[in-house]
C-alpha atoms as a PDB file:
ATOM      1  CA  MET A   1     -10.309   7.838  -5.838  1.00  0.00           C
ATOM      2  CA  ILE A   2      -8.397   8.056  -9.089  1.00  0.00           C
ATOM      3  CA  GLU A   3     -10.963  10.450 -10.575  1.00  0.00           C
ATOM      4  CA  THR A   4     -10.821  12.597  -7.435  1.00  0.00           C
ATOM      5  CA  ALA A   5      -7.026  12.754  -7.566  1.00  0.00           C
ATOM      6  CA  GLU A   6      -7.139  13.692 -11.250  1.00  0.00           C
ATOM      7  CA  LEU A   7      -9.517  16.567 -10.572  1.00  0.00           C
ATOM      8  CA  LEU A   8      -7.496  17.888  -7.646  1.00  0.00           C
ATOM      9  CA  GLY A   9      -4.104  17.381  -9.251  1.00  0.00           C
ATOM     10  CA  ALA A  10      -3.241  15.334  -6.175  1.00  0.00           C
ATOM     11  CA  GLY A  11      -1.126  12.290  -5.473  1.00  0.00           C
ATOM     12  CA  ILE A  12      -2.174   9.123  -3.646  1.00  0.00           C
ATOM     13  CA  ALA A  13      -0.204   7.493  -0.832  1.00  0.00           C
ATOM     14  CA  LYS A  14      -1.383   4.180   0.577  1.00  0.00           C
ATOM     15  CA  ALA A  15      -1.268   2.568   3.998  1.00  0.00           C
ATOM     16  CA  LEU A  16      -0.131  -1.047   3.723  1.00  0.00           C
ATOM     17  CA  LEU A  17      -3.645  -2.391   4.349  1.00  0.00           C
ATOM     18  CA  GLY A  18      -4.885  -0.260   1.457  1.00  0.00           C
ATOM     19  CA  ARG A  19      -2.280  -1.300  -1.083  1.00  0.00           C
ATOM     20  CA  GLU A  20      -4.793  -2.955  -3.414  1.00  0.00           C
ATOM     21  CA  VAL A  21      -7.160   0.021  -3.633  1.00  0.00           C
ATOM     22  CA  VAL A  22      -5.325   1.744  -6.498  1.00  0.00           C
ATOM     23  CA  PRO A  23      -2.594   0.276  -8.727  1.00  0.00           C
ATOM     24  CA  ASP A  24       1.039   1.269  -8.282  1.00  0.00           C
ATOM     25  CA  ASP A  25       1.676   1.832 -11.975  1.00  0.00           C
ATOM     26  CA  LEU A  26      -0.166   5.172 -11.989  1.00  0.00           C
ATOM     27  CA  PRO A  27       2.465   7.948 -12.131  1.00  0.00           C
ATOM     28  CA  PHE A  28       0.930   9.931  -9.250  1.00  0.00           C
ATOM     29  CA  VAL A  29       0.684   6.997  -6.813  1.00  0.00           C
ATOM     30  CA  THR A  30       3.569   7.513  -4.392  1.00  0.00           C
ATOM     31  CA  GLY A  31       3.304   4.036  -2.891  1.00  0.00           C
ATOM     32  CA  PRO A  32       3.388   3.190   0.801  1.00  0.00           C
ATOM     33  CA  ILE A  33       3.452   5.679   3.642  1.00  0.00           C
ATOM     34  CA  GLY A  34       4.924   5.356   7.120  1.00  0.00           C
ATOM     35  CA  LEU A  35       7.779   3.316   8.522  1.00  0.00           C
ATOM     36  CA  LEU A  36       7.896   1.178   5.368  1.00  0.00           C
ATOM     37  CA  GLY A  37       6.961   4.056   3.102  1.00  0.00           C
ATOM     38  CA  SER A  38       8.558   5.859   0.186  1.00  0.00           C
ATOM     39  CA  LYS A  39      10.371   9.181   0.098  1.00  0.00           C
ATOM     40  CA  ALA A  40       7.867  10.311  -2.535  1.00  0.00           C
ATOM     41  CA  SER A  41       5.037   9.774  -0.033  1.00  0.00           C
ATOM     42  CA  ASP A  42       6.933  11.635   2.669  1.00  0.00           C
ATOM     43  CA  GLU A  43       7.679  14.598   0.401  1.00  0.00           C
ATOM     44  CA  MET A  44       4.015  14.807  -0.563  1.00  0.00           C
ATOM     45  CA  MET A  45       2.817  14.652   3.045  1.00  0.00           C
ATOM     46  CA  MET A  46       5.243  17.236   4.364  1.00  0.00           C
ATOM     47  CA  ASN A  47       4.534  19.795   1.618  1.00  0.00           C
ATOM     48  CA  CYS A  48       0.801  19.458   0.856  1.00  0.00           C
ATOM     49  CA  ASP A  49      -1.715  22.267   1.469  1.00  0.00           C
ATOM     50  CA  VAL A  50      -4.654  19.886   2.007  1.00  0.00           C
ATOM     51  CA  LEU A  51      -4.566  16.412   3.574  1.00  0.00           C
ATOM     52  CA  PHE A  52      -7.435  14.255   2.292  1.00  0.00           C
ATOM     53  CA  MET A  53      -7.722  10.967   4.195  1.00  0.00           C
ATOM     54  CA  ILE A  54     -10.140   8.345   2.896  1.00  0.00           C
ATOM     55  CA  GLY A  55     -11.195   5.306   4.915  1.00  0.00           C
ATOM     56  CA  THR A  56      -7.922   4.802   6.763  1.00  0.00           C
ATOM     57  CA  SER A  57      -6.890   4.168  10.353  1.00  0.00           C
ATOM     58  CA  PHE A  58      -3.225   4.836   9.498  1.00  0.00           C
ATOM     59  CA  PRO A  59      -1.727   5.048  13.005  1.00  0.00           C
ATOM     60  CA  TYR A  60       1.515   7.016  12.624  1.00  0.00           C
ATOM     61  CA  ALA A  61       0.939  10.744  13.041  1.00  0.00           C
ATOM     62  CA  GLU A  62       4.668  11.445  12.657  1.00  0.00           C
ATOM     63  CA  TRP A  63       4.375  10.597   8.945  1.00  0.00           C
ATOM     64  CA  LEU A  64       1.485  13.013   8.453  1.00  0.00           C
ATOM     65  CA  PRO A  65       1.902  16.803   7.998  1.00  0.00           C
ATOM     66  CA  ASP A  66       2.701  18.912  11.045  1.00  0.00           C
ATOM     67  CA  GLU A  67      -0.486  19.986  12.788  1.00  0.00           C
ATOM     68  CA  GLY A  68      -1.716  23.318  11.465  1.00  0.00           C
ATOM     69  CA  SER A  69       0.456  23.204   8.346  1.00  0.00           C
ATOM     70  CA  CYS A  70      -2.446  22.307   6.046  1.00  0.00           C
ATOM     71  CA  ARG A  71      -6.211  21.897   5.904  1.00  0.00           C
ATOM     72  CA  GLY A  72      -7.705  18.483   6.578  1.00  0.00           C
ATOM     73  CA  VAL A  73     -10.629  16.542   5.081  1.00  0.00           C
ATOM     74  CA  GLU A  74     -11.492  12.988   6.095  1.00  0.00           C
ATOM     75  CA  ILE A  75     -14.043  10.412   4.939  1.00  0.00           C
ATOM     76  CA  ASP A  76     -14.723   7.377   7.095  1.00  0.00           C
ATOM     77  CA  ILE A  77     -17.717   5.112   7.572  1.00  0.00           C
ATOM     78  CA  ASP A  78     -16.997   5.175  11.328  1.00  0.00           C
ATOM     79  CA  GLY A  79     -17.278   8.700  12.691  1.00  0.00           C
ATOM     80  CA  ARG A  80     -15.204   7.765  15.723  1.00  0.00           C
ATOM     81  CA  MET A  81     -12.140   7.383  13.499  1.00  0.00           C
ATOM     82  CA  ILE A  82     -12.260  10.870  12.018  1.00  0.00           C
ATOM     83  CA  GLY A  83      -9.703  13.332  13.340  1.00  0.00           C
ATOM     84  CA  ILE A  84      -7.843  10.926  15.614  1.00  0.00           C
ATOM     85  CA  ARG A  85      -4.590  11.216  13.589  1.00  0.00           C
ATOM     86  CA  TYR A  86      -4.825  14.802  12.337  1.00  0.00           C
ATOM     87  CA  PRO A  87      -7.137  17.721  13.239  1.00  0.00           C
ATOM     88  CA  MET A  88      -9.632  17.851  10.390  1.00  0.00           C
ATOM     89  CA  ASP A  89     -11.528  20.853   9.046  1.00  0.00           C
ATOM     90  CA  ALA A  90     -14.191  18.712   7.360  1.00  0.00           C
ATOM     91  CA  HIS A  91     -15.574  15.518   8.924  1.00  0.00           C
ATOM     92  CA  VAL A  92     -17.482  13.369   6.445  1.00  0.00           C
ATOM     93  CA  VAL A  93     -19.087  10.185   7.764  1.00  0.00           C
ATOM     94  CA  GLY A  94     -20.046   7.738   5.048  1.00  0.00           C
ATOM     95  CA  ASP A  95     -19.051   4.932   2.720  1.00  0.00           C
ATOM     96  CA  ALA A  96     -15.925   5.997   0.810  1.00  0.00           C
ATOM     97  CA  LYS A  97     -17.157   5.103  -2.677  1.00  0.00           C
ATOM     98  CA  GLU A  98     -20.645   6.555  -2.282  1.00  0.00           C
ATOM     99  CA  THR A  99     -19.311   9.706  -0.621  1.00  0.00           C
ATOM    100  CA  LEU A 100     -16.767  10.326  -3.378  1.00  0.00           C
ATOM    101  CA  ARG A 101     -19.491   9.849  -6.002  1.00  0.00           C
ATOM    102  CA  GLU A 102     -21.469  12.643  -4.345  1.00  0.00           C
ATOM    103  CA  LEU A 103     -18.374  14.812  -3.885  1.00  0.00           C
ATOM    104  CA  ILE A 104     -16.869  14.609  -7.375  1.00  0.00           C
ATOM    105  CA  PRO A 105     -19.519  16.818  -9.103  1.00  0.00           C
ATOM    106  CA  LEU A 106     -18.754  19.531  -6.533  1.00  0.00           C
ATOM    107  CA  LEU A 107     -15.017  19.585  -7.232  1.00  0.00           C
ATOM    108  CA  ARG A 108     -13.388  22.021  -9.672  1.00  0.00           C
ATOM    109  CA  ARG A 109     -10.522  20.738 -11.777  1.00  0.00           C
ATOM    110  CA  LYS A 110      -7.230  22.294 -10.719  1.00  0.00           C
ATOM    111  CA  GLU A 111      -5.680  23.775 -13.839  1.00  0.00           C
ATOM    112  CA  ASP A 112      -2.261  24.409 -12.287  1.00  0.00           C
ATOM    113  CA  ARG A 113      -0.631  20.975 -12.486  1.00  0.00           C
ATOM    114  CA  SER A 114       2.740  21.945 -11.027  1.00  0.00           C
ATOM    115  CA  TRP A 115       2.049  20.083  -7.752  1.00  0.00           C
ATOM    116  CA  ARG A 116       1.091  16.927  -9.658  1.00  0.00           C
ATOM    117  CA  GLU A 117       4.201  17.235 -11.821  1.00  0.00           C
ATOM    118  CA  GLU A 118       6.382  17.523  -8.718  1.00  0.00           C
ATOM    119  CA  ILE A 119       4.773  14.408  -7.236  1.00  0.00           C
ATOM    120  CA  GLU A 120       5.336  12.428 -10.431  1.00  0.00           C
ATOM    121  CA  GLU A 121       8.982  13.530 -10.556  1.00  0.00           C
ATOM    122  CA  ASN A 122       9.455  12.412  -6.942  1.00  0.00           C
ATOM    123  CA  VAL A 123       7.915   9.026  -7.803  1.00  0.00           C
ATOM    124  CA  ARG A 124      10.356   8.592 -10.704  1.00  0.00           C
ATOM    125  CA  ALA A 125      13.271   9.551  -8.453  1.00  0.00           C
ATOM    126  CA  TRP A 126      12.180   7.056  -5.784  1.00  0.00           C
ATOM    127  CA  ASP A 127      11.771   4.290  -8.360  1.00  0.00           C
ATOM    128  CA  ALA A 128      15.349   4.971  -9.493  1.00  0.00           C
ATOM    129  CA  VAL A 129      16.558   4.630  -5.894  1.00  0.00           C
ATOM    130  CA  MET A 130      14.729   1.303  -5.573  1.00  0.00           C
ATOM    131  CA  ASP A 131      16.301   0.077  -8.815  1.00  0.00           C
ATOM    132  CA  LYS A 132      19.756   1.043  -7.553  1.00  0.00           C
ATOM    133  CA  ARG A 133      19.300  -0.601  -4.163  1.00  0.00           C
ATOM    134  CA  ALA A 134      18.022  -3.841  -5.644  1.00  0.00           C
ATOM    135  CA  ALA A 135      20.998  -3.982  -8.008  1.00  0.00           C
ATOM    136  CA  GLN A 136      23.569  -3.752  -5.214  1.00  0.00           C
ATOM    137  CA  SER A 137      25.716  -6.783  -4.422  1.00  0.00           C
ATOM    138  CA  PHE A 138      28.042  -7.474  -1.515  1.00  0.00           C
ATOM    139  CA  GLU A 139      31.116  -9.602  -2.204  1.00  0.00           C
ATOM    140  CA  GLY A 140      29.177 -11.579  -4.762  1.00  0.00           C
ATOM    141  CA  LYS A 141      26.030 -11.876  -2.656  1.00  0.00           C
ATOM    142  CA  ILE A 142      22.829 -10.270  -3.933  1.00  0.00           C
ATOM    143  CA  ASN A 143      20.847  -7.749  -1.946  1.00  0.00           C
ATOM    144  CA  PRO A 144      17.706  -9.506  -0.611  1.00  0.00           C
ATOM    145  CA  GLN A 145      15.653  -6.577  -1.919  1.00  0.00           C
ATOM    146  CA  ALA A 146      16.399  -7.906  -5.391  1.00  0.00           C
ATOM    147  CA  VAL A 147      14.100 -10.879  -4.761  1.00  0.00           C
ATOM    148  CA  ALA A 148      11.038  -8.642  -4.403  1.00  0.00           C
ATOM    149  CA  HIS A 149      12.232  -6.263  -7.113  1.00  0.00           C
ATOM    150  CA  GLU A 150      12.670  -9.008  -9.697  1.00  0.00           C
ATOM    151  CA  LEU A 151       9.470 -10.797  -8.673  1.00  0.00           C
ATOM    152  CA  SER A 152       7.296  -7.739  -9.196  1.00  0.00           C
ATOM    153  CA  PRO A 153       7.131  -7.625 -13.028  1.00  0.00           C
ATOM    154  CA  LEU A 154       6.772 -11.430 -13.148  1.00  0.00           C
ATOM    155  CA  LEU A 155       3.579 -11.516 -11.073  1.00  0.00           C
ATOM    156  CA  PRO A 156       0.636 -12.973 -13.007  1.00  0.00           C
ATOM    157  CA  ASP A 157      -2.463 -10.886 -13.581  1.00  0.00           C
ATOM    158  CA  GLY A 158      -5.055 -11.191 -10.833  1.00  0.00           C
ATOM    159  CA  ALA A 159      -2.542 -12.475  -8.305  1.00  0.00           C
ATOM    160  CA  ILE A 160      -3.350 -12.307  -4.601  1.00  0.00           C
ATOM    161  CA  LEU A 161      -0.347 -11.394  -2.473  1.00  0.00           C
ATOM    162  CA  THR A 162       0.134 -11.900   1.241  1.00  0.00           C
ATOM    163  CA  ALA A 163       3.075 -10.885   3.406  1.00  0.00           C
ATOM    164  CA  ASP A 164       4.385 -11.811   6.806  1.00  0.00           C
ATOM    165  CA  SER A 165       6.018  -9.494   9.351  1.00  0.00           C
ATOM    166  CA  GLY A 166       9.744  -8.834   9.406  1.00  0.00           C
ATOM    167  CA  SER A 167      12.444  -7.452   7.124  1.00  0.00           C
ATOM    168  CA  ALA A 168      10.726  -9.038   4.137  1.00  0.00           C
ATOM    169  CA  THR A 169       7.700  -6.814   4.747  1.00  0.00           C
ATOM    170  CA  ASN A 170       9.853  -3.792   3.929  1.00  0.00           C
ATOM    171  CA  TRP A 171      10.821  -5.186   0.527  1.00  0.00           C
ATOM    172  CA  TRP A 172       7.236  -6.326  -0.151  1.00  0.00           C
ATOM    173  CA  ALA A 173       5.975  -2.816   0.594  1.00  0.00           C
ATOM    174  CA  ARG A 174       8.552  -0.889  -1.407  1.00  0.00           C
ATOM    175  CA  HIS A 175       9.562  -3.096  -4.314  1.00  0.00           C
ATOM    176  CA  ILE A 176       6.441  -5.015  -5.340  1.00  0.00           C
ATOM    177  CA  LYS A 177       4.181  -2.987  -7.625  1.00  0.00           C
ATOM    178  CA  LEU A 178       0.523  -3.954  -7.611  1.00  0.00           C
ATOM    179  CA  ARG A 179      -1.305  -3.784 -10.912  1.00  0.00           C
ATOM    180  CA  ASP A 180      -5.030  -3.288 -11.416  1.00  0.00           C
ATOM    181  CA  GLY A 181      -6.979  -6.361 -10.346  1.00  0.00           C
ATOM    182  CA  MET A 182      -4.404  -7.667  -7.888  1.00  0.00           C
ATOM    183  CA  ARG A 183      -5.223  -8.052  -4.206  1.00  0.00           C
ATOM    184  CA  ALA A 184      -2.909  -7.882  -1.198  1.00  0.00           C
ATOM    185  CA  SER A 185      -2.990  -8.021   2.578  1.00  0.00           C
ATOM    186  CA  LEU A 186      -0.880  -8.563   5.664  1.00  0.00           C
ATOM    187  CA  SER A 187      -1.137  -8.204   9.442  1.00  0.00           C
ATOM    188  CA  GLY A 188      -0.957  -4.429   9.184  1.00  0.00           C
ATOM    189  CA  THR A 189      -2.798  -3.516  12.366  1.00  0.00           C
ATOM    190  CA  LEU A 190      -0.978  -5.832  14.753  1.00  0.00           C
ATOM    191  CA  ALA A 191       2.231  -6.464  12.756  1.00  0.00           C
ATOM    192  CA  THR A 192       1.999 -10.040  14.048  1.00  0.00           C
ATOM    193  CA  MET A 193       4.543 -12.596  12.875  1.00  0.00           C
ATOM    194  CA  GLY A 194       3.159 -15.770  11.357  1.00  0.00           C
ATOM    195  CA  PRO A 195      -0.011 -14.913   9.410  1.00  0.00           C
ATOM    196  CA  GLY A 196       1.508 -14.809   5.917  1.00  0.00           C
ATOM    197  CA  VAL A 197       1.033 -18.468   4.970  1.00  0.00           C
ATOM    198  CA  PRO A 198      -2.377 -18.846   6.699  1.00  0.00           C
ATOM    199  CA  TYR A 199      -3.530 -15.708   4.878  1.00  0.00           C
ATOM    200  CA  ALA A 200      -2.399 -17.274   1.597  1.00  0.00           C
ATOM    201  CA  ILE A 201      -4.234 -20.520   2.378  1.00  0.00           C
ATOM    202  CA  ALA A 202      -7.421 -18.610   3.198  1.00  0.00           C
ATOM    203  CA  ALA A 203      -7.092 -16.576  -0.011  1.00  0.00           C
ATOM    204  CA  ARG A 204      -6.740 -19.772  -2.045  1.00  0.00           C
ATOM    205  CA  PHE A 205      -9.862 -21.249  -0.446  1.00  0.00           C
ATOM    206  CA  ALA A 206     -11.789 -18.057  -1.214  1.00  0.00           C
ATOM    207  CA  TYR A 207     -10.426 -17.644  -4.765  1.00  0.00           C
ATOM    208  CA  PRO A 208      -9.342 -21.105  -6.004  1.00  0.00           C
ATOM    209  CA  ASP A 209      -9.002 -19.857  -9.584  1.00  0.00           C
ATOM    210  CA  ARG A 210      -6.480 -17.106  -8.775  1.00  0.00           C
ATOM    211  CA  PRO A 211      -2.719 -17.429  -8.179  1.00  0.00           C
ATOM    212  CA  VAL A 212      -1.740 -16.731  -4.560  1.00  0.00           C
ATOM    213  CA  ILE A 213       1.794 -15.771  -3.580  1.00  0.00           C
ATOM    214  CA  CYS A 214       3.037 -15.389  -0.012  1.00  0.00           C
ATOM    215  CA  PHE A 215       6.087 -13.250   0.713  1.00  0.00           C
ATOM    216  CA  VAL A 216       7.595 -14.494   3.966  1.00  0.00           C
ATOM    217  CA  GLY A 217      11.045 -14.260   5.532  1.00  0.00           C
ATOM    218  CA  ASP A 218      13.120 -17.146   6.841  1.00  0.00           C
ATOM    219  CA  GLY A 219      12.338 -16.502  10.528  1.00  0.00           C
ATOM    220  CA  ALA A 220       8.577 -16.366  10.164  1.00  0.00           C
ATOM    221  CA  PHE A 221       8.593 -19.366   7.849  1.00  0.00           C
ATOM    222  CA  GLN A 222      10.708 -21.526  10.159  1.00  0.00           C
ATOM    223  CA  MET A 223       8.724 -20.591  13.273  1.00  0.00           C
ATOM    224  CA  ASN A 224       5.213 -20.652  11.812  1.00  0.00           C
ATOM    225  CA  GLY A 225       4.835 -20.901   8.063  1.00  0.00           C
ATOM    226  CA  MET A 226       6.540 -24.249   7.616  1.00  0.00           C
ATOM    227  CA  ASN A 227       3.969 -25.912   9.881  1.00  0.00           C
ATOM    228  CA  GLU A 228       1.198 -24.666   7.610  1.00  0.00           C
ATOM    229  CA  MET A 229       2.550 -26.822   4.795  1.00  0.00           C
ATOM    230  CA  LEU A 230       0.687 -29.600   6.611  1.00  0.00           C
ATOM    231  CA  THR A 231      -2.519 -27.626   6.083  1.00  0.00           C
ATOM    232  CA  VAL A 232      -1.704 -27.135   2.401  1.00  0.00           C
ATOM    233  CA  LYS A 233      -1.101 -30.863   2.018  1.00  0.00           C
ATOM    234  CA  ARG A 234      -4.310 -31.770   3.828  1.00  0.00           C
ATOM    235  CA  TYR A 235      -6.548 -29.533   1.731  1.00  0.00           C
ATOM    236  CA  ALA A 236      -4.629 -29.575  -1.571  1.00  0.00           C
ATOM    237  CA  ASP A 237      -7.559 -31.143  -3.421  1.00  0.00           C
ATOM    238  CA  ARG A 238      -9.827 -28.268  -2.340  1.00  0.00           C
ATOM    239  CA  MET A 239      -7.400 -25.575  -3.484  1.00  0.00           C
ATOM    240  CA  ALA A 240      -7.747 -26.340  -7.192  1.00  0.00           C
END
């Protein structure tokens, strides 16, 4: 995907369930898209001349370009998913990685990089907004966004991140920057409250040698996550 974006002079926006696919520290990665998305992603979507969707069931058409405003190309392993969010001009059914490998030799490098430069400037502007928001305080109380913002650069390499549903999901999506090799997931399809800690437990069972961090708000933790501490205690010896 990164090689494709480099050839096309394109940017990459990510649905929350695809956060781990490319790292956030690339200057042309605009971050999340949708309700919990970034302004950089929105600017890119609303002004692009081609929408290239790869392996995504992103459900919110209102955060995609207006119908007819640009051409559309979509790759998905399930042909039934193609074109359900935006009318596509090219329908490509196949595995994303294998399809891109076949496609890349057919692409011509775009020499005019003005679109890429605009995307990168929008990313820098959005990052500055996030910095400013996280630094706000209210009568001596910190902005909760600061928790995610300050955590992000402290995350260990190879960390696996899970998130629960709620206000904390917003800060997890916008303020935490994933680096190469990190993994992340949440209940993106259902937006169900309560899976954050169980997801983290499952991740630790699957990858006992990797640090696992769950980002969960007070409501979800009190209603669901706290109970799962019993599970952690019971299987602590199997979680390395």
